[in-house]
Amino acid sequence: MVRLFSDLHIHSCLSPCGDDDMTPANLCGMAALKGLQMIALTDHNSARNLPAAQKCCEAYGLLLIPGMEITTREEVHMLGYFPTVDIALDFSEMLREHLPGKKNRPDFFGHQWVMDEDDQITAEEDALLMGATDLSVSETVRRVREAGGVPVPAHINRGANGILVNLGFIPDDLNLTAVEVWRALPCPLEAQEGRTVLHSSDAHYLGDILEPEITTALEEPTVAAFLDKLRRGRPKAP
């Protein structure tokens, strides 16, 4: 068993709400400087900066969990964690077809930069990534699982996009085995019972990336072990 200092919800400059300084090399370098050992890059509705992040994590000795923050039709934010960068990219391409079809306005929403590992801009995503997809919560959960990933509702107790705030409850038929909880706010215990609970930064700025304060216990330091942990959930209290 290993315990890794982690931050499992970080946005890059591909997310329009992410600061332009959140380049793959910068955010991986900041994570390493702070003493983290495992991070997840989870941009809004896209995985296009994951290849660069993978190379940067390898250079810094970090374990990268390929991820994405998906906005469902109900405006619920759902984290998807995937086995590989390539699988996440394929999911991202599928998801692009379910976006609202509107163009991004960088002057209003912010740039959506796609970068390489040297922080050179290779493209600017023109599809508006901030909008909700046309996939329901249940459809999103199903598709993430079909791709071999694990769906995790993001910051369930915070903001209009947290599932507890948006829907008022977590539907039992979703069979969710993990949730992300915002530490600064109260969260009903029943929403956490039997589920792996993640605490992350949801960082949009370099300074917001977590200090080495949250550890994730894994059987081994691999993406597969992390996904297995999420799928198992945690034992319910007697």
C-alpha atoms as a PDB file:
ATOM      1  CA  MET A   1       0.000   0.000   0.000  1.00  0.00           C
ATOM      2  CA  VAL A   2       1.269   3.467  -0.911  1.00  0.00           C
ATOM      3  CA  ARG A   3      -0.049   6.885   0.044  1.00  0.00           C
ATOM      4  CA  LEU A   4       0.334   9.598  -2.554  1.00  0.00           C
ATOM      5  CA  PHE A   5      -0.119  13.322  -1.989  1.00  0.00           C
ATOM      6  CA  SER A   6      -2.717  14.196  -4.583  1.00  0.00           C
ATOM      7  CA  ASP A   7      -4.929  16.797  -6.203  1.00  0.00           C
ATOM      8  CA  LEU A   8      -7.487  15.140  -8.461  1.00  0.00           C
ATOM      9  CA  HIS A   9      -9.383  18.090  -9.927  1.00  0.00           C
ATOM     10  CA  ILE A  10      -7.241  20.635 -11.787  1.00  0.00           C
ATOM     11  CA  HIS A  11      -8.039  22.781 -14.836  1.00  0.00           C
ATOM     12  CA  SER A  12      -5.602  23.914 -17.489  1.00  0.00           C
ATOM     13  CA  CYS A  13      -5.725  26.863 -19.871  1.00  0.00           C
ATOM     14  CA  LEU A  14      -7.933  24.719 -22.123  1.00  0.00           C
ATOM     15  CA  SER A  15     -10.830  25.411 -19.762  1.00  0.00           C
ATOM     16  CA  PRO A  16     -12.101  28.913 -20.559  1.00  0.00           C
ATOM     17  CA  CYS A  17     -12.331  29.661 -16.832  1.00  0.00           C
ATOM     18  CA  GLY A  18      -8.750  28.468 -16.298  1.00  0.00           C
ATOM     19  CA  ASP A  19      -6.035  31.090 -16.031  1.00  0.00           C
ATOM     20  CA  ASP A  20      -3.764  31.401 -19.077  1.00  0.00           C
ATOM     21  CA  ASP A  21      -0.822  30.575 -16.783  1.00  0.00           C
ATOM     22  CA  MET A  22      -2.328  27.117 -16.177  1.00  0.00           C
ATOM     23  CA  THR A  23      -0.278  25.578 -18.963  1.00  0.00           C
ATOM     24  CA  PRO A  24       0.485  21.848 -18.782  1.00  0.00           C
ATOM     25  CA  ALA A  25       4.140  22.441 -17.884  1.00  0.00           C
ATOM     26  CA  ASN A  26       3.312  25.140 -15.346  1.00  0.00           C
ATOM     27  CA  LEU A  27       0.650  23.201 -13.496  1.00  0.00           C
ATOM     28  CA  CYS A  28       2.706  20.002 -13.422  1.00  0.00           C
ATOM     29  CA  GLY A  29       5.738  21.954 -12.266  1.00  0.00           C
ATOM     30  CA  MET A  30       3.736  23.660  -9.525  1.00  0.00           C
ATOM     31  CA  ALA A  31       2.322  20.331  -8.376  1.00  0.00           C
ATOM     32  CA  ALA A  32       5.820  18.868  -8.169  1.00  0.00           C
ATOM     33  CA  LEU A  33       7.166  21.970  -6.421  1.00  0.00           C
ATOM     34  CA  LYS A  34       4.436  21.692  -3.815  1.00  0.00           C
ATOM     35  CA  GLY A  35       5.317  18.055  -3.196  1.00  0.00           C
ATOM     36  CA  LEU A  36       2.372  16.345  -4.857  1.00  0.00           C
ATOM     37  CA  GLN A  37       2.820  12.886  -6.333  1.00  0.00           C
ATOM     38  CA  MET A  38      -0.430  12.322  -8.223  1.00  0.00           C
ATOM     39  CA  ILE A  39      -2.663  14.771 -10.086  1.00  0.00           C
ATOM     40  CA  ALA A  40      -5.665  14.628 -12.408  1.00  0.00           C
ATOM     41  CA  LEU A  41      -6.159  17.112 -15.215  1.00  0.00           C
ATOM     42  CA  THR A  42      -9.919  17.597 -15.566  1.00  0.00           C
ATOM     43  CA  ASP A  43     -10.732  20.285 -18.097  1.00  0.00           C
ATOM     44  CA  HIS A  44     -14.302  21.165 -18.966  1.00  0.00           C
ATOM     45  CA  ASN A  45     -15.731  18.811 -21.606  1.00  0.00           C
ATOM     46  CA  SER A  46     -12.377  18.201 -23.283  1.00  0.00           C
ATOM     47  CA  ALA A  47      -9.178  16.173 -22.905  1.00  0.00           C
ATOM     48  CA  ARG A  48      -7.031  17.923 -25.507  1.00  0.00           C
ATOM     49  CA  ASN A  49      -4.322  19.035 -23.045  1.00  0.00           C
ATOM     50  CA  LEU A  50      -3.866  15.562 -21.568  1.00  0.00           C
ATOM     51  CA  PRO A  51      -1.101  14.455 -23.992  1.00  0.00           C
ATOM     52  CA  ALA A  52       1.064  17.410 -23.001  1.00  0.00           C
ATOM     53  CA  ALA A  53       0.245  16.914 -19.318  1.00  0.00           C
ATOM     54  CA  GLN A  54       1.244  13.251 -19.583  1.00  0.00           C
ATOM     55  CA  LYS A  55       4.694  14.151 -20.905  1.00  0.00           C
ATOM     56  CA  CYS A  56       5.131  16.867 -18.278  1.00  0.00           C
ATOM     57  CA  CYS A  57       4.090  14.514 -15.472  1.00  0.00           C
ATOM     58  CA  GLU A  58       6.590  11.943 -16.689  1.00  0.00           C
ATOM     59  CA  ALA A  59       9.317  14.603 -16.635  1.00  0.00           C
ATOM     60  CA  TYR A  60       8.414  15.630 -13.069  1.00  0.00           C
ATOM     61  CA  GLY A  61       7.856  12.122 -11.754  1.00  0.00           C
ATOM     62  CA  LEU A  62       4.118  12.604 -11.187  1.00  0.00           C
ATOM     63  CA  LEU A  63       1.366  10.061 -11.713  1.00  0.00           C
ATOM     64  CA  LEU A  64      -1.254  11.539 -14.052  1.00  0.00           C
ATOM     65  CA  ILE A  65      -4.862  10.404 -13.816  1.00  0.00           C
ATOM     66  CA  PRO A  66      -6.486  11.209 -17.187  1.00  0.00           C
ATOM     67  CA  GLY A  67      -9.702  13.054 -16.473  1.00  0.00           C
ATOM     68  CA  MET A  68     -12.381  15.449 -17.594  1.00  0.00           C
ATOM     69  CA  GLU A  69     -15.150  17.504 -15.976  1.00  0.00           C
ATOM     70  CA  ILE A  70     -18.319  16.852 -17.927  1.00  0.00           C
ATOM     71  CA  THR A  71     -21.359  19.116 -17.717  1.00  0.00           C
ATOM     72  CA  THR A  72     -24.563  17.125 -18.038  1.00  0.00           C
ATOM     73  CA  ARG A  73     -27.850  18.277 -19.523  1.00  0.00           C
ATOM     74  CA  GLU A  74     -29.047  19.060 -15.998  1.00  0.00           C
ATOM     75  CA  GLU A  75     -25.970  21.309 -15.461  1.00  0.00           C
ATOM     76  CA  VAL A  76     -24.436  18.796 -13.052  1.00  0.00           C
ATOM     77  CA  HIS A  77     -20.637  18.598 -13.106  1.00  0.00           C
ATOM     78  CA  MET A  78     -19.431  15.001 -13.381  1.00  0.00           C
ATOM     79  CA  LEU A  79     -15.768  14.059 -13.203  1.00  0.00           C
ATOM     80  CA  GLY A  80     -14.743  11.210 -15.462  1.00  0.00           C
ATOM     81  CA  TYR A  81     -11.476   9.389 -14.733  1.00  0.00           C
ATOM     82  CA  PHE A  82     -10.151   7.179 -17.541  1.00  0.00           C
ATOM     83  CA  PRO A  83      -7.612   4.341 -17.888  1.00  0.00           C
ATOM     84  CA  THR A  84      -5.434   6.087 -20.493  1.00  0.00           C
ATOM     85  CA  VAL A  85      -4.944   9.421 -22.205  1.00  0.00           C
ATOM     86  CA  ASP A  86      -5.972   7.903 -25.546  1.00  0.00           C
ATOM     87  CA  ILE A  87      -9.258   6.627 -24.103  1.00  0.00           C
ATOM     88  CA  ALA A  88      -9.932  10.054 -22.609  1.00  0.00           C
ATOM     89  CA  LEU A  89      -9.212  11.689 -25.973  1.00  0.00           C
ATOM     90  CA  ASP A  90     -11.641   9.345 -27.729  1.00  0.00           C
ATOM     91  CA  PHE A  91     -14.279  10.164 -25.112  1.00  0.00           C
ATOM     92  CA  SER A  92     -13.542  13.860 -25.611  1.00  0.00           C
ATOM     93  CA  GLU A  93     -14.127  13.565 -29.356  1.00  0.00           C
ATOM     94  CA  MET A  94     -17.447  11.830 -28.732  1.00  0.00           C
ATOM     95  CA  LEU A  95     -18.424  14.471 -26.194  1.00  0.00           C
ATOM     96  CA  ARG A  96     -17.685  17.285 -28.635  1.00  0.00           C
ATOM     97  CA  GLU A  97     -20.652  16.108 -30.710  1.00  0.00           C
ATOM     98  CA  HIS A  98     -22.901  16.641 -27.691  1.00  0.00           C
ATOM     99  CA  LEU A  99     -21.844  20.211 -26.928  1.00  0.00           C
ATOM    100  CA  PRO A 100     -24.352  22.994 -27.669  1.00  0.00           C
ATOM    101  CA  GLY A 101     -22.674  23.861 -30.989  1.00  0.00           C
ATOM    102  CA  LYS A 102     -21.804  27.407 -30.001  1.00  0.00           C
ATOM    103  CA  LYS A 103     -18.461  29.075 -30.674  1.00  0.00           C
ATOM    104  CA  ASN A 104     -16.322  30.273 -27.801  1.00  0.00           C
ATOM    105  CA  ARG A 105     -15.929  34.009 -27.280  1.00  0.00           C
ATOM    106  CA  PRO A 106     -12.414  34.420 -25.831  1.00  0.00           C
ATOM    107  CA  ASP A 107     -13.061  38.067 -25.014  1.00  0.00           C
ATOM    108  CA  PHE A 108     -15.969  37.048 -22.790  1.00  0.00           C
ATOM    109  CA  PHE A 109     -15.358  33.478 -21.588  1.00  0.00           C
ATOM    110  CA  GLY A 110     -11.568  33.257 -21.891  1.00  0.00           C
ATOM    111  CA  HIS A 111      -9.170  31.487 -24.237  1.00  0.00           C
ATOM    112  CA  GLN A 112      -9.210  27.725 -24.696  1.00  0.00           C
ATOM    113  CA  TRP A 113      -5.554  26.983 -25.440  1.00  0.00           C
ATOM    114  CA  VAL A 114      -4.309  23.579 -26.548  1.00  0.00           C
ATOM    115  CA  MET A 115      -0.591  23.250 -25.740  1.00  0.00           C
ATOM    116  CA  ASP A 116       2.329  20.902 -26.197  1.00  0.00           C
ATOM    117  CA  GLU A 117       4.701  19.849 -23.421  1.00  0.00           C
ATOM    118  CA  ASP A 118       6.866  22.916 -24.058  1.00  0.00           C
ATOM    119  CA  ASP A 119       3.876  25.215 -23.501  1.00  0.00           C
ATOM    120  CA  GLN A 120       3.713  26.154 -27.142  1.00  0.00           C
ATOM    121  CA  ILE A 121       0.176  26.853 -28.335  1.00  0.00           C
ATOM    122  CA  THR A 122      -0.770  24.262 -30.946  1.00  0.00           C
ATOM    123  CA  ALA A 123      -4.442  25.206 -31.321  1.00  0.00           C
ATOM    124  CA  GLU A 124      -7.293  27.148 -29.807  1.00  0.00           C
ATOM    125  CA  GLU A 125     -10.457  25.120 -29.233  1.00  0.00           C
ATOM    126  CA  ASP A 126     -13.295  27.057 -30.875  1.00  0.00           C
ATOM    127  CA  ALA A 127     -16.237  25.065 -29.498  1.00  0.00           C
ATOM    128  CA  LEU A 128     -17.600  26.608 -26.304  1.00  0.00           C
ATOM    129  CA  LEU A 129     -16.549  24.176 -23.575  1.00  0.00           C
ATOM    130  CA  MET A 130     -18.428  25.947 -20.778  1.00  0.00           C
ATOM    131  CA  GLY A 131     -21.861  24.881 -21.964  1.00  0.00           C
ATOM    132  CA  ALA A 132     -23.841  21.845 -20.895  1.00  0.00           C
ATOM    133  CA  THR A 133     -23.820  18.790 -23.105  1.00  0.00           C
ATOM    134  CA  ASP A 134     -27.095  17.192 -24.169  1.00  0.00           C
ATOM    135  CA  LEU A 135     -26.274  14.038 -22.166  1.00  0.00           C
ATOM    136  CA  SER A 136     -28.267  13.392 -19.003  1.00  0.00           C
ATOM    137  CA  VAL A 137     -26.594  12.474 -15.724  1.00  0.00           C
ATOM    138  CA  SER A 138     -27.502   8.816 -16.193  1.00  0.00           C
ATOM    139  CA  GLU A 139     -26.321   8.780 -19.807  1.00  0.00           C
ATOM    140  CA  THR A 140     -23.036  10.440 -18.826  1.00  0.00           C
ATOM    141  CA  VAL A 141     -22.452   7.867 -16.077  1.00  0.00           C
ATOM    142  CA  ARG A 142     -23.193   5.031 -18.487  1.00  0.00           C
ATOM    143  CA  ARG A 143     -20.886   6.314 -21.207  1.00  0.00           C
ATOM    144  CA  VAL A 144     -17.978   6.953 -18.829  1.00  0.00           C
ATOM    145  CA  ARG A 145     -18.277   3.385 -17.565  1.00  0.00           C
ATOM    146  CA  GLU A 146     -18.519   1.970 -21.092  1.00  0.00           C
ATOM    147  CA  ALA A 147     -15.212   3.715 -21.845  1.00  0.00           C
ATOM    148  CA  GLY A 148     -13.631   1.897 -18.900  1.00  0.00           C
ATOM    149  CA  GLY A 149     -13.689   4.988 -16.713  1.00  0.00           C
ATOM    150  CA  VAL A 150     -15.215   5.874 -13.368  1.00  0.00           C
ATOM    151  CA  PRO A 151     -17.815   8.664 -12.980  1.00  0.00           C
ATOM    152  CA  VAL A 152     -17.533  10.848  -9.873  1.00  0.00           C
ATOM    153  CA  PRO A 153     -19.923  13.739  -9.179  1.00  0.00           C
ATOM    154  CA  ALA A 154     -17.842  16.883  -8.662  1.00  0.00           C
ATOM    155  CA  HIS A 155     -18.054  19.094  -5.552  1.00  0.00           C
ATOM    156  CA  ILE A 156     -21.431  17.573  -4.710  1.00  0.00           C
ATOM    157  CA  ASN A 157     -22.117  20.054  -1.897  1.00  0.00           C
ATOM    158  CA  ARG A 158     -20.983  23.267  -3.586  1.00  0.00           C
ATOM    159  CA  GLY A 159     -22.449  25.615  -6.165  1.00  0.00           C
ATOM    160  CA  ALA A 160     -25.253  25.227  -8.657  1.00  0.00           C
ATOM    161  CA  ASN A 161     -23.370  22.441 -10.449  1.00  0.00           C
ATOM    162  CA  GLY A 162     -23.018  20.144  -7.439  1.00  0.00           C
ATOM    163  CA  ILE A 163     -25.433  17.240  -7.727  1.00  0.00           C
ATOM    164  CA  LEU A 164     -26.847  17.718  -4.208  1.00  0.00           C
ATOM    165  CA  VAL A 165     -27.493  21.398  -4.878  1.00  0.00           C
ATOM    166  CA  ASN A 166     -28.775  20.866  -8.408  1.00  0.00           C
ATOM    167  CA  LEU A 167     -30.889  17.713  -8.048  1.00  0.00           C
ATOM    168  CA  GLY A 168     -31.246  17.698  -4.268  1.00  0.00           C
ATOM    169  CA  PHE A 169     -30.158  14.049  -3.992  1.00  0.00           C
ATOM    170  CA  ILE A 170     -27.976  11.367  -5.594  1.00  0.00           C
ATOM    171  CA  PRO A 171     -30.179   8.925  -7.549  1.00  0.00           C
ATOM    172  CA  ASP A 172     -29.712   5.377  -6.254  1.00  0.00           C
ATOM    173  CA  ASP A 173     -29.905   3.866  -9.725  1.00  0.00           C
ATOM    174  CA  LEU A 174     -26.642   5.589 -10.709  1.00  0.00           C
ATOM    175  CA  ASN A 175     -24.806   3.184  -8.377  1.00  0.00           C
ATOM    176  CA  LEU A 176     -22.064   5.745  -7.783  1.00  0.00           C
ATOM    177  CA  THR A 177     -19.116   4.435  -5.793  1.00  0.00           C
ATOM    178  CA  ALA A 178     -17.257   7.734  -5.314  1.00  0.00           C
ATOM    179  CA  VAL A 179     -18.020  11.418  -4.788  1.00  0.00           C
ATOM    180  CA  GLU A 180     -15.997  14.598  -4.568  1.00  0.00           C
ATOM    181  CA  VAL A 181     -16.806  16.672  -1.461  1.00  0.00           C
ATOM    182  CA  TRP A 182     -15.880  20.320  -0.940  1.00  0.00           C
ATOM    183  CA  ARG A 183     -14.155  20.355   2.438  1.00  0.00           C
ATOM    184  CA  ALA A 184     -15.105  23.911   3.401  1.00  0.00           C
ATOM    185  CA  LEU A 185     -18.848  23.181   3.357  1.00  0.00           C
ATOM    186  CA  PRO A 186     -21.049  20.698   5.242  1.00  0.00           C
ATOM    187  CA  CYS A 187     -22.086  17.569   3.383  1.00  0.00           C
ATOM    188  CA  PRO A 188     -24.751  15.028   4.360  1.00  0.00           C
ATOM    189  CA  LEU A 189     -23.180  11.811   5.609  1.00  0.00           C
ATOM    190  CA  GLU A 190     -25.656   9.677   3.664  1.00  0.00           C
ATOM    191  CA  ALA A 191     -24.250  11.091   0.400  1.00  0.00           C
ATOM    192  CA  GLN A 192     -20.799   9.809   1.409  1.00  0.00           C
ATOM    193  CA  GLU A 193     -21.755   6.486   2.967  1.00  0.00           C
ATOM    194  CA  GLY A 194     -20.309   3.497   1.119  1.00  0.00           C
ATOM    195  CA  ARG A 195     -18.477   5.732  -1.342  1.00  0.00           C
ATOM    196  CA  THR A 196     -14.858   6.737  -1.780  1.00  0.00           C
ATOM    197  CA  VAL A 197     -14.673  10.441  -0.918  1.00  0.00           C
ATOM    198  CA  LEU A 198     -12.279  12.696  -2.812  1.00  0.00           C
ATOM    199  CA  HIS A 199     -11.151  16.154  -1.696  1.00  0.00           C
ATOM    200  CA  SER A 200      -9.486  18.274  -4.371  1.00  0.00           C
ATOM    201  CA  SER A 201      -8.782  21.898  -5.262  1.00  0.00           C
ATOM    202  CA  ASP A 202     -10.768  22.456  -8.483  1.00  0.00           C
ATOM    203  CA  ALA A 203      -7.793  24.715  -9.238  1.00  0.00           C
ATOM    204  CA  HIS A 204      -8.107  27.314 -11.975  1.00  0.00           C
ATOM    205  CA  TYR A 205      -4.976  29.214 -10.865  1.00  0.00           C
ATOM    206  CA  LEU A 206      -1.496  27.916 -10.068  1.00  0.00           C
ATOM    207  CA  GLY A 207      -1.666  29.070  -6.465  1.00  0.00           C
ATOM    208  CA  ASP A 208      -4.869  27.095  -5.895  1.00  0.00           C
ATOM    209  CA  ILE A 209      -3.249  23.697  -6.493  1.00  0.00           C
ATOM    210  CA  LEU A 210      -3.260  21.804  -3.212  1.00  0.00           C
ATOM    211  CA  GLU A 211      -0.355  21.695  -0.807  1.00  0.00           C
ATOM    212  CA  PRO A 212       0.731  18.168   0.226  1.00  0.00           C
ATOM    213  CA  GLU A 213      -2.164  17.683   2.648  1.00  0.00           C
ATOM    214  CA  ILE A 214      -4.463  15.114   1.028  1.00  0.00           C
ATOM    215  CA  THR A 215      -3.216  11.563   0.535  1.00  0.00           C
ATOM    216  CA  THR A 216      -4.767   8.843  -1.591  1.00  0.00           C
ATOM    217  CA  ALA A 217      -4.015   5.269  -0.524  1.00  0.00           C
ATOM    218  CA  LEU A 218      -3.462   2.843  -3.415  1.00  0.00           C
ATOM    219  CA  GLU A 219      -2.362  -0.771  -3.713  1.00  0.00           C
ATOM    220  CA  GLU A 220       0.282   0.459  -6.158  1.00  0.00           C
ATOM    221  CA  PRO A 221       1.040   3.817  -7.811  1.00  0.00           C
ATOM    222  CA  THR A 222      -0.854   3.237 -11.063  1.00  0.00           C
ATOM    223  CA  VAL A 223      -3.922   4.603 -12.817  1.00  0.00           C
ATOM    224  CA  ALA A 224      -5.485   1.136 -12.727  1.00  0.00           C
ATOM    225  CA  ALA A 225      -5.110   0.943  -8.942  1.00  0.00           C
ATOM    226  CA  PHE A 226      -6.723   4.372  -8.579  1.00  0.00           C
ATOM    227  CA  LEU A 227      -9.699   3.396 -10.730  1.00  0.00           C
ATOM    228  CA  ASP A 228     -10.084   0.136  -8.822  1.00  0.00           C
ATOM    229  CA  LYS A 229     -10.161   2.087  -5.572  1.00  0.00           C
ATOM    230  CA  LEU A 230     -12.954   4.286  -6.881  1.00  0.00           C
ATOM    231  CA  ARG A 231     -14.952   1.314  -8.145  1.00  0.00           C
ATOM    232  CA  ARG A 232     -14.756  -0.473  -4.785  1.00  0.00           C
ATOM    233  CA  GLY A 233     -16.138   2.436  -2.792  1.00  0.00           C
ATOM    234  CA  ARG A 234     -15.696   2.028   0.935  1.00  0.00           C
ATOM    235  CA  PRO A 235     -17.370  -0.221   3.477  1.00  0.00           C
ATOM    236  CA  LYS A 236     -20.542   1.134   5.033  1.00  0.00           C
ATOM    237  CA  ALA A 237     -20.502   1.818   8.739  1.00  0.00           C
ATOM    238  CA  PRO A 238     -22.049  -1.016  10.806  1.00  0.00           C
END
